[in-house]
Amino acid sequence: MLQTLAARVSPYFRPRLIDALHHYDRARLRTDITAGITVGIVALPLAIAFAIASGAKPEAGIFTAIIAGFIISALGGSRVQIGGPTGAFIVIVYGIIAQYGYANLIICTLMAGVMLVLMGAFKLGSLLKYFPRPLIIGFTNGIAVLIALSEVKDFLGLQIDTLPAEFFHKMGALWHGLPTVDFITLTLALVSALFIWFYPKTWAQRVPSPIVALALGTLAVALFNLPVETIGSRFGGIPQGLPEFVVPEVTLGDLRHLIMPAFTIALLGAIESILSAAVADGMIDDKHDPNQELMAQGIANIVVPFFGGIPATGAIARTATNVRSGATSPISGIVHALTLLLIVLVAAPLAQYIPLASLAAILMIVAINMGEWDVFKRLKTYPRHDAVVLLVTFSFTVVFDLTVAVEVGLLLAAVFFIRNMTELSHVQLSEEHTPLPDDGEATLARKMAPPGVLIYRLYGALFFGIADKLENVLHQQHTEPEVLVLNMTEVISMDASALHVLEDLHEKLHKRHKHLILCGPHTQPYFLMHQAGLFEQIGRENVVANLEEAVRRSRQLLAARIA
């Protein structure tokens, strides 16, 4: 039955759950249930902390983890991916709420979900792997810095009404708020952070450190009646029950303003989900379906807004916890969502005693672990262009926003790539005095090429970056050749700009009753020139396999001209 169902939905929509349940047994079920309960407990404080740091209510994070976690596991393209709210969204969501309000965040999330579904449907998931790693490290480290900055207020207990989203205003507010540091809050936050940091790894396999730190912090507040801010004092606690279904009001005017914020959510969600799934692949020796994963992420973000949730994506830390706990299938992710649901239904009233200082400490540790800080020590060993892309992306993420950072980072990466390809691709005259590889063909060409024949060897990629080099082939000579031979045996690819230059070269030579010969084009250049009709223009007899044939053909053309 499962195979029949898989055959019907494949290849357009094929959740990994369908394949994972094939040959599923009780032993795997027990392991998945254990892993799901473990990661569900780990997800609880993170979901609450991410929601609060994003400017939303704590229940928004929990409901997102429940609903999105269930959908992503049930419909996703990875066997062990855990979905939910993540630290990467904090800065974006906080900024959207600050500028547009929570109601418009719901619309943004819905739009982002549609974008993610379309990305998956049009098979764009595979393209995300082409994002340069320096760019990814740059914005990841930048987001980590912003997460840490967003938690300074609650970590220190500062008396600041509203923390601005814009970087310089935020720094100004934190600076002016420093005299209001609450030392009881600071002490509790420091103790919680140090406890998590030095928590024995062997113990963490059974009981996660954030849960213990949160429980001890809550117990301290309750026993000693510590005068610190809690979930109850700021939000009134967490509702005990299921979320209400709410239909957001959408207007065309709102949609126009929210397209870019929605795209930012979709882009970051796509990148993080694919990165998380790739990390999981390495841990379990598997291969996820990136397009199916994007569609699942999209569906989750379409559904979550109707229940008051926030954006969701694949969570690397929770996914890794899931794997280390022995997960074998998406069932563990479904159990993780059900575990969170059970906690809400049973223990929600206890959440009002959770101190915000302990949650801030948890997010501080998340921010520290999230960044790849050692990369700054190794920048000297990086190619200069990679270092520039990383630093610019990092700086723009911190100072401006992720959208600008990614746009500028991609632009820089593209410019540097074009420059490198231009340097590696060149046009070289094959003459006696020109140093050439001793490949036999070049030697043959020098010995046999008659006067009036010029042979140029082309290297690398023929694209718009070296079009000017091709255009100058004829201008570099005092006298025009009777026959121009372009040796394309070292050309790996060609674009429309280079094709246009070749067509132009042929036109110029043809008007003067001279000839162009193409030698040894490979598959991609050959196909492009064939499709464009270039071979018919210059004559198929003037497209040859090697230099020996090119020289032979050039002698025939010269002989015919003399006759």
Protein backbone atom coordinates (compact mmCIF):
# COMPACT_ATOMS: atom_id res chain seq x y z
CA MET A 1 0.00 0.00 0.00
CA LEU A 2 2.80 2.42 0.90
CA GLN A 3 4.58 1.63 -2.33
CA THR A 4 1.37 2.25 -4.30
CA LEU A 5 0.92 5.60 -2.57
CA ALA A 6 4.55 6.50 -3.23
CA ALA A 7 4.18 5.67 -6.90
CA ARG A 8 1.16 7.96 -7.18
CA VAL A 9 2.77 11.03 -5.61
CA SER A 10 6.27 10.51 -6.96
CA PRO A 11 8.22 12.26 -8.31
CA TYR A 12 6.46 15.57 -7.72
CA PHE A 13 5.72 15.20 -4.03
CA ARG A 14 7.37 12.36 -2.14
CA PRO A 15 7.81 12.78 1.64
CA ARG A 16 10.60 10.70 3.12
CA LEU A 17 8.10 9.35 5.65
CA ILE A 18 6.63 7.10 2.95
CA ASP A 19 9.98 5.45 2.25
CA ALA A 20 11.02 5.41 5.92
CA LEU A 21 7.98 3.38 6.96
CA HIS A 22 8.91 0.63 4.51
CA HIS A 23 10.17 -2.33 6.61
CA TYR A 24 9.54 -0.33 9.78
CA ASP A 25 9.57 -2.41 12.99
CA ARG A 26 8.96 -2.12 16.73
CA ALA A 27 12.65 -1.68 17.57
CA ARG A 28 12.92 1.38 15.32
CA LEU A 29 9.65 2.71 16.73
CA ARG A 30 10.97 2.50 20.31
CA THR A 31 14.18 4.29 19.30
CA ASP A 32 12.26 7.00 17.45
CA ILE A 33 9.90 7.56 20.40
CA THR A 34 12.86 7.96 22.77
CA ALA A 35 14.62 10.36 20.38
CA GLY A 36 11.41 12.34 19.84
CA ILE A 37 10.75 12.79 23.55
CA THR A 38 14.36 13.88 24.11
CA VAL A 39 14.39 16.47 21.33
CA GLY A 40 10.91 17.66 22.38
CA ILE A 41 12.23 18.47 25.86
CA VAL A 42 15.24 20.23 24.31
CA ALA A 43 12.98 22.23 21.99
CA LEU A 44 10.74 23.59 24.78
CA PRO A 45 13.02 26.29 26.25
CA LEU A 46 14.41 27.16 22.80
CA ALA A 47 10.95 27.66 21.32
CA ILE A 48 9.97 29.95 24.20
CA ALA A 49 13.25 31.88 24.09
CA PHE A 50 13.20 32.36 20.30
CA ALA A 51 9.65 33.68 20.40
CA ILE A 52 10.34 36.17 23.21
CA ALA A 53 13.58 37.35 21.56
CA SER A 54 11.65 37.84 18.31
CA GLY A 55 9.19 40.19 19.99
CA ALA A 56 6.35 37.62 20.04
CA LYS A 57 4.56 35.91 22.91
CA PRO A 58 6.14 32.69 24.28
CA GLU A 59 3.23 30.52 23.17
CA ALA A 60 3.86 31.59 19.56
CA GLY A 61 7.19 29.76 19.68
CA ILE A 62 5.69 26.64 21.23
CA PHE A 63 2.76 26.45 18.81
CA THR A 64 5.20 26.94 15.91
CA ALA A 65 7.38 24.10 17.17
CA ILE A 66 4.33 21.83 17.50
CA ILE A 67 2.61 22.56 14.18
CA ALA A 68 5.62 23.24 11.97
CA GLY A 69 7.60 20.44 13.62
CA PHE A 70 4.83 17.96 12.83
CA ILE A 71 4.36 19.09 9.21
CA ILE A 72 8.08 19.30 8.38
CA SER A 73 8.70 15.79 9.72
CA ALA A 74 5.60 14.30 8.06
CA LEU A 75 6.10 15.91 4.63
CA GLY A 76 9.82 16.75 4.49
CA GLY A 77 12.64 15.39 2.37
CA SER A 78 14.89 14.37 5.27
CA ARG A 79 14.57 11.35 7.56
CA VAL A 80 15.68 13.16 10.70
CA GLN A 81 15.11 16.89 10.17
CA ILE A 82 13.50 18.74 13.11
CA GLY A 83 11.64 21.92 12.25
CA GLY A 84 10.54 24.85 14.34
CA PRO A 85 11.47 28.44 15.26
CA THR A 86 15.20 29.13 15.09
CA GLY A 87 17.65 31.76 16.25
CA ALA A 88 18.35 32.85 12.68
CA PHE A 89 14.84 34.30 12.40
CA ILE A 90 15.05 36.38 15.58
CA VAL A 91 16.49 39.50 14.00
CA ILE A 92 14.22 39.36 10.95
CA VAL A 93 11.03 38.68 12.87
CA TYR A 94 11.84 41.33 15.49
CA GLY A 95 12.40 43.90 12.75
CA ILE A 96 9.15 43.02 10.95
CA ILE A 97 7.10 43.23 14.15
CA ALA A 98 8.75 46.55 15.08
CA GLN A 99 8.11 48.07 11.65
CA TYR A 100 4.87 46.46 10.46
CA GLY A 101 3.26 44.91 13.55
CA TYR A 102 2.53 41.31 14.50
CA ALA A 103 -0.51 41.07 12.21
CA ASN A 104 1.69 41.76 9.20
CA LEU A 105 4.26 39.24 10.41
CA ILE A 106 1.55 36.61 10.01
CA ILE A 107 1.00 37.74 6.40
CA CYS A 108 4.79 37.76 5.77
CA THR A 109 5.09 34.21 7.05
CA LEU A 110 2.19 33.09 4.86
CA MET A 111 3.75 34.71 1.78
CA ALA A 112 7.14 33.19 2.61
CA GLY A 113 5.48 29.79 2.82
CA VAL A 114 4.05 30.18 -0.67
CA MET A 115 7.49 31.23 -1.96
CA LEU A 116 9.11 28.17 -0.38
CA VAL A 117 6.54 25.84 -1.95
CA LEU A 118 7.21 27.40 -5.35
CA MET A 119 10.99 27.07 -4.82
CA GLY A 120 10.55 23.38 -4.19
CA ALA A 121 8.04 22.86 -7.00
CA PHE A 122 10.40 24.51 -9.51
CA LYS A 123 13.37 22.43 -8.25
CA LEU A 124 15.32 25.41 -6.91
CA GLY A 125 16.44 23.56 -3.79
CA SER A 126 19.51 22.17 -5.54
CA LEU A 127 20.66 25.69 -6.46
CA LEU A 128 21.13 26.71 -2.82
CA LYS A 129 24.28 24.61 -2.62
CA TYR A 130 25.91 27.11 -4.95
CA PHE A 131 25.82 29.85 -2.31
CA PRO A 132 29.48 30.63 -1.52
CA ARG A 133 30.55 29.33 1.88
CA PRO A 134 32.18 32.65 2.91
CA LEU A 135 28.80 34.31 2.37
CA ILE A 136 27.00 31.70 4.50
CA ILE A 137 29.59 31.96 7.30
CA GLY A 138 29.40 35.76 7.12
CA PHE A 139 25.66 36.07 7.62
CA THR A 140 25.54 33.18 10.12
CA ASN A 141 28.14 34.89 12.32
CA GLY A 142 26.36 38.21 11.85
CA ILE A 143 23.05 36.71 12.96
CA ALA A 144 24.78 35.20 16.01
CA VAL A 145 26.06 38.67 17.01
CA LEU A 146 22.58 40.15 16.61
CA ILE A 147 21.02 37.36 18.70
CA ALA A 148 23.50 38.07 21.48
CA LEU A 149 22.79 41.82 21.30
CA SER A 150 19.04 41.19 21.45
CA GLU A 151 19.52 39.32 24.75
CA VAL A 152 21.68 41.93 26.51
CA LYS A 153 18.58 43.68 27.87
CA ASP A 154 17.16 40.59 29.62
CA PHE A 155 20.62 39.25 30.52
CA LEU A 156 21.47 42.43 32.42
CA GLY A 157 17.93 43.28 33.51
CA LEU A 158 18.08 46.73 31.88
CA GLN A 159 15.13 49.09 32.26
CA ILE A 160 14.43 49.67 28.56
CA ASP A 161 10.83 49.91 27.42
CA THR A 162 11.39 48.90 23.79
CA LEU A 163 14.63 47.77 22.19
CA PRO A 164 14.90 49.28 18.67
CA ALA A 165 15.43 46.94 15.74
CA GLU A 166 17.89 49.21 13.89
CA PHE A 167 21.51 48.49 14.88
CA PHE A 168 22.78 51.95 15.84
CA HIS A 169 19.57 52.85 17.68
CA LYS A 170 19.75 49.52 19.50
CA MET A 171 23.34 50.13 20.57
CA GLY A 172 22.39 53.61 21.74
CA ALA A 173 19.47 52.28 23.80
CA LEU A 174 21.67 49.60 25.40
CA TRP A 175 24.37 52.17 26.20
CA HIS A 176 21.94 54.58 27.83
CA GLY A 177 20.32 51.70 29.72
CA LEU A 178 23.56 50.38 31.26
CA PRO A 179 23.19 52.39 34.51
CA THR A 180 19.96 50.44 35.19
CA VAL A 181 21.68 47.02 35.44
CA ASP A 182 19.88 44.72 37.89
CA PHE A 183 22.59 42.70 39.64
CA ILE A 184 20.22 39.96 40.80
CA THR A 185 19.12 39.41 37.21
CA LEU A 186 22.74 39.55 36.00
CA THR A 187 23.82 37.02 38.63
CA LEU A 188 21.04 34.61 37.72
CA ALA A 189 21.85 34.95 34.00
CA LEU A 190 25.59 34.43 34.57
CA VAL A 191 25.03 31.37 36.75
CA SER A 192 22.65 29.90 34.15
CA ALA A 193 25.10 30.56 31.29
CA LEU A 194 28.09 29.11 33.17
CA PHE A 195 26.04 26.09 34.19
CA ILE A 196 25.12 25.37 30.56
CA TRP A 197 28.67 26.01 29.34
CA PHE A 198 30.36 23.69 31.84
CA TYR A 199 27.60 21.09 31.99
CA PRO A 200 29.20 17.63 31.52
CA LYS A 201 28.67 16.29 28.01
CA THR A 202 28.07 12.80 29.35
CA TRP A 203 25.12 14.09 31.39
CA ALA A 204 23.76 16.07 28.44
CA GLN A 205 23.08 12.83 26.56
CA ARG A 206 20.42 11.98 29.16
CA VAL A 207 19.24 15.37 30.42
CA PRO A 208 19.92 18.44 28.19
CA SER A 209 21.67 21.34 29.93
CA PRO A 210 19.13 24.06 28.90
CA ILE A 211 16.32 22.11 30.59
CA VAL A 212 18.31 21.72 33.82
CA ALA A 213 19.39 25.38 33.82
CA LEU A 214 15.82 26.52 33.20
CA ALA A 215 14.44 24.25 35.94
CA LEU A 216 17.03 25.40 38.48
CA GLY A 217 16.48 29.07 37.59
CA THR A 218 12.72 28.68 37.91
CA LEU A 219 13.13 26.86 41.24
CA ALA A 220 15.40 29.61 42.55
CA VAL A 221 12.87 32.29 41.62
CA ALA A 222 10.03 30.37 43.27
CA LEU A 223 11.90 29.41 46.48
CA PHE A 224 13.69 32.67 47.15
CA ASN A 225 11.08 34.95 45.62
CA LEU A 226 13.76 36.66 43.51
CA PRO A 227 12.70 40.07 42.15
CA VAL A 228 13.40 39.25 38.50
CA GLU A 229 11.21 39.40 35.42
CA THR A 230 9.47 36.16 34.48
CA ILE A 231 7.22 34.93 31.70
CA GLY A 232 4.30 35.47 34.04
CA SER A 233 5.21 39.06 34.95
CA ARG A 234 5.74 40.11 31.30
CA PHE A 235 3.29 37.94 29.37
CA GLY A 236 0.90 36.59 31.96
CA GLY A 237 2.01 33.00 31.41
CA ILE A 238 1.33 30.49 28.62
CA PRO A 239 -2.25 29.44 27.74
CA GLN A 240 -3.10 25.86 28.65
CA GLY A 241 -4.77 24.51 25.56
CA LEU A 242 -4.70 24.40 21.78
CA PRO A 243 -4.20 27.56 19.71
CA GLU A 244 -7.18 29.26 18.09
CA PHE A 245 -7.62 29.31 14.33
CA VAL A 246 -7.38 32.90 13.09
CA VAL A 247 -7.70 34.16 9.51
CA PRO A 248 -5.43 37.18 8.94
CA GLU A 249 -6.78 40.23 7.13
CA VAL A 250 -4.93 40.73 3.87
CA THR A 251 -4.98 43.80 1.62
CA LEU A 252 -3.14 44.43 -1.64
CA GLY A 253 -1.45 47.47 -0.11
CA ASP A 254 0.02 45.34 2.67
CA LEU A 255 1.24 42.72 0.22
CA ARG A 256 3.27 45.23 -1.79
CA HIS A 257 5.12 46.45 1.32
CA LEU A 258 5.66 42.94 2.68
CA ILE A 259 7.13 41.24 -0.40
CA MET A 260 10.76 41.90 0.53
CA PRO A 261 10.41 40.92 4.23
CA ALA A 262 8.60 37.76 3.10
CA PHE A 263 11.35 36.99 0.59
CA THR A 264 13.95 37.42 3.34
CA ILE A 265 12.11 34.90 5.52
CA ALA A 266 11.80 32.47 2.59
CA LEU A 267 15.45 32.82 1.59
CA LEU A 268 16.79 32.35 5.11
CA GLY A 269 14.38 29.51 5.79
CA ALA A 270 15.45 27.76 2.60
CA ILE A 271 19.16 28.15 3.29
CA GLU A 272 18.96 27.05 6.92
CA SER A 273 16.70 24.07 6.21
CA ILE A 274 18.98 22.78 3.45
CA LEU A 275 22.09 23.33 5.59
CA SER A 276 20.48 21.53 8.51
CA ALA A 277 19.42 18.62 6.31
CA ALA A 278 22.95 18.45 4.84
CA VAL A 279 24.44 18.28 8.33
CA ALA A 280 22.04 15.46 9.16
CA ASP A 281 23.02 13.61 5.96
CA GLY A 282 26.63 13.62 7.11
CA MET A 283 25.66 12.22 10.51
CA ILE A 284 23.48 9.35 9.25
CA ASP A 285 25.11 8.70 5.83
CA ASP A 286 21.95 9.61 3.93
CA LYS A 287 20.89 12.05 1.21
CA HIS A 288 17.88 14.32 1.58
CA ASP A 289 15.60 15.65 -1.15
CA PRO A 290 16.12 19.45 -1.06
CA ASN A 291 13.07 20.25 -3.17
CA GLN A 292 10.75 18.10 -1.10
CA GLU A 293 12.21 19.70 2.03
CA LEU A 294 11.47 23.20 0.70
CA MET A 295 7.89 22.25 -0.11
CA ALA A 296 7.41 20.88 3.40
CA GLN A 297 8.93 24.02 4.92
CA GLY A 298 6.60 26.08 2.75
CA ILE A 299 3.47 24.17 3.76
CA ALA A 300 4.46 24.50 7.43
CA ASN A 301 4.86 28.27 7.08
CA ILE A 302 1.52 28.51 5.29
CA VAL A 303 -0.31 26.67 8.09
CA VAL A 304 1.48 28.13 11.14
CA PRO A 305 0.28 31.77 10.71
CA PHE A 306 -3.36 30.66 11.04
CA PHE A 307 -2.55 29.54 14.61
CA GLY A 308 -0.59 32.62 15.68
CA GLY A 309 2.83 31.14 15.00
CA ILE A 310 6.09 32.61 13.71
CA PRO A 311 8.37 31.53 10.82
CA ALA A 312 9.84 28.05 11.02
CA THR A 313 12.66 26.16 9.34
CA GLY A 314 15.01 23.25 9.91
CA ALA A 315 16.84 23.57 13.23
CA ILE A 316 20.43 22.36 13.10
CA ALA A 317 20.95 21.94 16.88
CA ARG A 318 17.66 20.07 17.42
CA THR A 319 18.24 17.95 14.31
CA ALA A 320 21.69 16.98 15.62
CA THR A 321 20.15 16.14 19.01
CA ASN A 322 17.58 14.01 17.24
CA VAL A 323 20.29 12.07 15.40
CA ARG A 324 22.45 11.61 18.49
CA SER A 325 19.39 10.30 20.33
CA GLY A 326 19.08 7.48 17.81
CA ALA A 327 16.37 8.73 15.42
CA THR A 328 15.85 6.56 12.34
CA SER A 329 12.81 8.10 10.65
CA PRO A 330 10.50 11.15 10.56
CA ILE A 331 8.46 9.47 13.29
CA SER A 332 10.89 10.94 15.86
CA GLY A 333 10.08 14.46 14.62
CA ILE A 334 6.35 13.76 14.88
CA VAL A 335 6.85 12.45 18.44
CA HIS A 336 8.84 15.63 19.25
CA ALA A 337 5.82 17.73 18.22
CA LEU A 338 3.40 15.57 20.22
CA THR A 339 5.69 15.80 23.27
CA LEU A 340 5.56 19.60 23.15
CA LEU A 341 1.77 19.45 22.77
CA LEU A 342 1.48 17.23 25.86
CA ILE A 343 3.69 19.59 27.88
CA VAL A 344 1.48 22.55 26.92
CA LEU A 345 -1.70 20.69 27.85
CA VAL A 346 -0.33 19.45 31.19
CA ALA A 347 2.32 21.85 32.49
CA ALA A 348 1.63 25.25 30.89
CA PRO A 349 0.78 27.01 34.20
CA LEU A 350 4.30 26.31 35.52
CA ALA A 351 5.80 28.42 32.72
CA GLN A 352 4.82 31.67 34.42
CA TYR A 353 7.70 31.21 36.91
CA ILE A 354 10.39 30.86 34.22
CA PRO A 355 12.88 33.76 34.58
CA LEU A 356 13.70 35.70 31.42
CA ALA A 357 17.31 35.90 32.61
CA SER A 358 17.70 32.13 32.25
CA LEU A 359 16.13 32.23 28.77
CA ALA A 360 18.54 35.04 27.83
CA ALA A 361 21.45 32.91 29.07
CA ILE A 362 20.27 29.99 26.90
CA LEU A 363 20.16 32.21 23.81
CA MET A 364 23.58 33.68 24.60
CA ILE A 365 25.02 30.16 24.53
CA VAL A 366 23.05 29.42 21.33
CA ALA A 367 24.58 32.53 19.72
CA ILE A 368 28.10 31.53 20.77
CA ASN A 369 27.70 27.98 19.46
CA MET A 370 25.99 29.19 16.29
CA GLY A 371 28.91 31.23 14.98
CA GLU A 372 32.10 29.91 13.39
CA TRP A 373 34.37 32.32 15.25
CA ASP A 374 37.67 30.59 14.50
CA VAL A 375 37.23 31.61 10.86
CA PHE A 376 38.36 35.15 11.74
CA LYS A 377 41.70 33.73 12.94
CA ARG A 378 42.14 31.91 9.64
CA LEU A 379 41.21 34.80 7.34
CA LYS A 380 44.88 35.34 6.47
CA THR A 381 44.93 31.88 4.89
CA TYR A 382 41.82 32.59 2.81
CA PRO A 383 41.97 33.93 -0.75
CA ARG A 384 41.56 37.69 -0.56
CA HIS A 385 38.25 37.73 -2.41
CA ASP A 386 36.74 35.10 -0.07
CA ALA A 387 37.87 37.10 2.97
CA VAL A 388 36.28 40.26 1.54
CA VAL A 389 32.96 38.49 0.85
CA LEU A 390 32.89 37.05 4.37
CA LEU A 391 33.73 40.31 6.14
CA VAL A 392 31.36 42.44 4.05
CA THR A 393 28.48 39.98 4.49
CA PHE A 394 29.15 39.79 8.24
CA SER A 395 29.31 43.58 8.62
CA PHE A 396 26.21 44.24 6.51
CA THR A 397 24.23 41.58 8.41
CA VAL A 398 25.05 43.23 11.74
CA VAL A 399 24.68 46.87 10.68
CA PHE A 400 21.88 46.69 8.09
CA ASP A 401 19.88 43.51 7.51
CA LEU A 402 20.18 40.04 6.06
CA THR A 403 18.59 40.90 2.70
CA VAL A 404 21.08 43.67 1.97
CA ALA A 405 23.94 41.51 3.26
CA VAL A 406 23.08 38.56 1.02
CA GLU A 407 22.51 40.79 -2.02
CA VAL A 408 25.84 42.60 -1.57
CA GLY A 409 27.66 39.37 -0.70
CA LEU A 410 26.33 37.57 -3.78
CA LEU A 411 27.19 40.57 -5.98
CA LEU A 412 30.75 40.66 -4.65
CA ALA A 413 31.12 36.90 -5.03
CA ALA A 414 29.87 37.13 -8.63
CA VAL A 415 32.25 40.01 -9.46
CA PHE A 416 35.23 38.16 -7.98
CA PHE A 417 34.24 34.97 -9.81
CA ILE A 418 34.02 36.80 -13.13
CA ARG A 419 37.41 38.39 -12.51
CA ASN A 420 38.99 35.03 -11.68
CA MET A 421 37.46 33.36 -14.72
CA THR A 422 38.64 36.24 -16.88
CA GLU A 423 42.19 35.81 -15.60
CA LEU A 424 42.09 32.05 -16.22
CA SER A 425 40.59 32.39 -19.71
CA HIS A 426 42.69 33.89 -22.48
CA VAL A 427 43.43 34.00 -26.18
CA GLN A 428 46.99 33.04 -27.18
CA LEU A 429 48.68 33.38 -30.58
CA SER A 430 50.38 30.17 -31.68
CA GLU A 431 53.69 31.33 -33.18
CA GLU A 432 57.30 30.18 -33.06
CA HIS A 433 58.25 32.69 -30.39
CA THR A 434 55.19 31.94 -28.23
CA PRO A 435 55.78 29.40 -25.41
CA LEU A 436 53.32 26.53 -25.89
CA PRO A 437 52.77 23.20 -24.21
CA ASP A 438 54.66 20.42 -25.93
CA ASP A 439 51.53 18.56 -26.94
CA GLY A 440 52.45 17.59 -30.47
CA GLU A 441 49.58 19.44 -32.08
CA ALA A 442 51.07 22.84 -31.36
CA THR A 443 54.43 21.75 -32.81
CA LEU A 444 52.71 20.38 -35.89
CA ALA A 445 50.83 23.63 -36.38
CA ARG A 446 54.03 25.73 -36.20
CA LYS A 447 55.78 23.57 -38.78
CA MET A 448 52.94 23.26 -41.23
CA ALA A 449 50.94 26.49 -41.00
CA PRO A 450 51.60 28.41 -44.24
CA PRO A 451 52.01 32.19 -44.47
CA GLY A 452 48.70 34.02 -44.27
CA VAL A 453 47.29 31.61 -41.65
CA LEU A 454 46.99 32.69 -38.04
CA ILE A 455 46.28 30.14 -35.31
CA TYR A 456 44.96 31.25 -31.93
CA ARG A 457 44.58 28.90 -29.02
CA LEU A 458 41.64 29.69 -26.71
CA TYR A 459 41.76 28.68 -23.05
CA GLY A 460 39.11 28.29 -20.34
CA ALA A 461 35.59 29.69 -20.60
CA LEU A 462 34.55 31.93 -23.49
CA PHE A 463 32.12 34.33 -21.85
CA PHE A 464 31.31 38.02 -21.67
CA GLY A 465 34.33 38.63 -19.41
CA ILE A 466 36.82 37.90 -22.22
CA ALA A 467 34.70 38.99 -25.17
CA ASP A 468 37.00 41.98 -25.69
CA LYS A 469 40.01 39.66 -26.04
CA LEU A 470 38.27 37.81 -28.85
CA GLU A 471 37.20 41.04 -30.52
CA ASN A 472 40.80 42.28 -30.59
CA VAL A 473 42.16 39.21 -32.38
CA LEU A 474 42.18 40.89 -35.79
CA HIS A 475 43.22 44.32 -34.48
CA GLN A 476 46.39 42.89 -32.91
CA GLN A 477 47.85 42.09 -36.34
CA HIS A 478 49.47 44.51 -38.78
CA THR A 479 47.95 42.61 -41.68
CA GLU A 480 44.75 40.59 -41.69
CA PRO A 481 45.22 36.83 -42.12
CA GLU A 482 43.76 35.04 -45.11
CA VAL A 483 42.63 32.28 -42.78
CA LEU A 484 42.00 32.62 -39.04
CA VAL A 485 42.08 29.33 -37.07
CA LEU A 486 40.63 29.27 -33.55
CA ASN A 487 41.82 26.23 -31.62
CA MET A 488 38.98 25.49 -29.16
CA THR A 489 40.28 22.20 -27.75
CA GLU A 490 40.93 23.90 -24.36
CA VAL A 491 37.58 25.69 -24.18
CA ILE A 492 35.30 24.27 -21.47
CA SER A 493 32.21 26.44 -22.04
CA MET A 494 30.85 29.34 -24.04
CA ASP A 495 28.06 31.88 -23.63
CA ALA A 496 25.97 34.04 -25.96
CA SER A 497 28.40 36.98 -25.77
CA ALA A 498 31.28 34.86 -27.05
CA LEU A 499 29.00 33.41 -29.72
CA HIS A 500 28.16 36.92 -30.90
CA VAL A 501 31.87 37.78 -31.11
CA LEU A 502 32.54 34.68 -33.23
CA GLU A 503 29.66 35.61 -35.53
CA ASP A 504 31.07 39.13 -35.81
CA LEU A 505 34.58 37.80 -36.55
CA HIS A 506 33.18 35.64 -39.34
CA GLU A 507 31.24 38.59 -40.79
CA LYS A 508 34.33 40.80 -40.86
CA LEU A 509 36.45 38.12 -42.50
CA HIS A 510 33.71 37.12 -44.96
CA LYS A 511 33.27 40.70 -46.19
CA ARG A 512 36.98 40.71 -47.08
CA HIS A 513 36.75 37.27 -48.69
CA LYS A 514 38.73 35.68 -45.88
CA HIS A 515 37.95 32.60 -43.80
CA LEU A 516 37.37 31.41 -40.24
CA ILE A 517 38.12 27.84 -39.14
CA LEU A 518 37.01 26.40 -35.78
CA CYS A 519 39.07 23.56 -34.40
CA GLY A 520 38.05 20.89 -31.86
CA PRO A 521 35.05 22.45 -30.04
CA HIS A 522 33.78 20.41 -27.09
CA THR A 523 30.19 19.40 -26.36
CA GLN A 524 28.73 22.59 -24.81
CA PRO A 525 30.35 25.09 -27.22
CA TYR A 526 29.60 22.77 -30.14
CA PHE A 527 25.92 22.48 -29.22
CA LEU A 528 25.56 26.25 -28.70
CA MET A 529 27.15 27.10 -32.03
CA HIS A 530 25.13 24.41 -33.80
CA GLN A 531 21.84 25.67 -32.32
CA ALA A 532 22.68 29.26 -33.29
CA GLY A 533 23.43 28.24 -36.90
CA LEU A 534 27.06 29.38 -36.80
CA PHE A 535 28.28 26.24 -38.56
CA GLU A 536 26.02 26.98 -41.54
CA GLN A 537 27.33 30.54 -41.64
CA ILE A 538 31.03 29.67 -41.78
CA GLY A 539 30.51 26.34 -43.59
CA ARG A 540 30.54 22.94 -41.91
CA GLU A 541 33.72 22.04 -43.78
CA ASN A 542 35.42 24.80 -41.75
CA VAL A 543 34.66 23.07 -38.44
CA VAL A 544 37.36 20.43 -37.91
CA ALA A 545 38.45 18.00 -35.21
CA ASN A 546 42.14 18.88 -34.72
CA LEU A 547 44.95 21.22 -35.77
CA GLU A 548 46.26 18.92 -38.47
CA GLU A 549 42.89 19.05 -40.22
CA ALA A 550 42.73 22.81 -39.63
CA VAL A 551 46.08 23.32 -41.36
CA ARG A 552 45.05 21.03 -44.21
CA ARG A 553 41.78 22.94 -44.66
CA SER A 554 43.58 26.31 -44.55
CA ARG A 555 45.94 25.14 -47.37
CA GLN A 556 42.93 24.18 -49.46
CA LEU A 557 41.35 27.62 -48.95
CA LEU A 558 44.61 29.38 -49.86
CA ALA A 559 45.05 27.21 -52.94
CA ALA A 560 41.49 27.94 -54.08
CA ARG A 561 42.06 31.68 -53.58
CA ILE A 562 45.24 31.60 -55.73
CA ALA A 563 43.50 29.55 -58.43
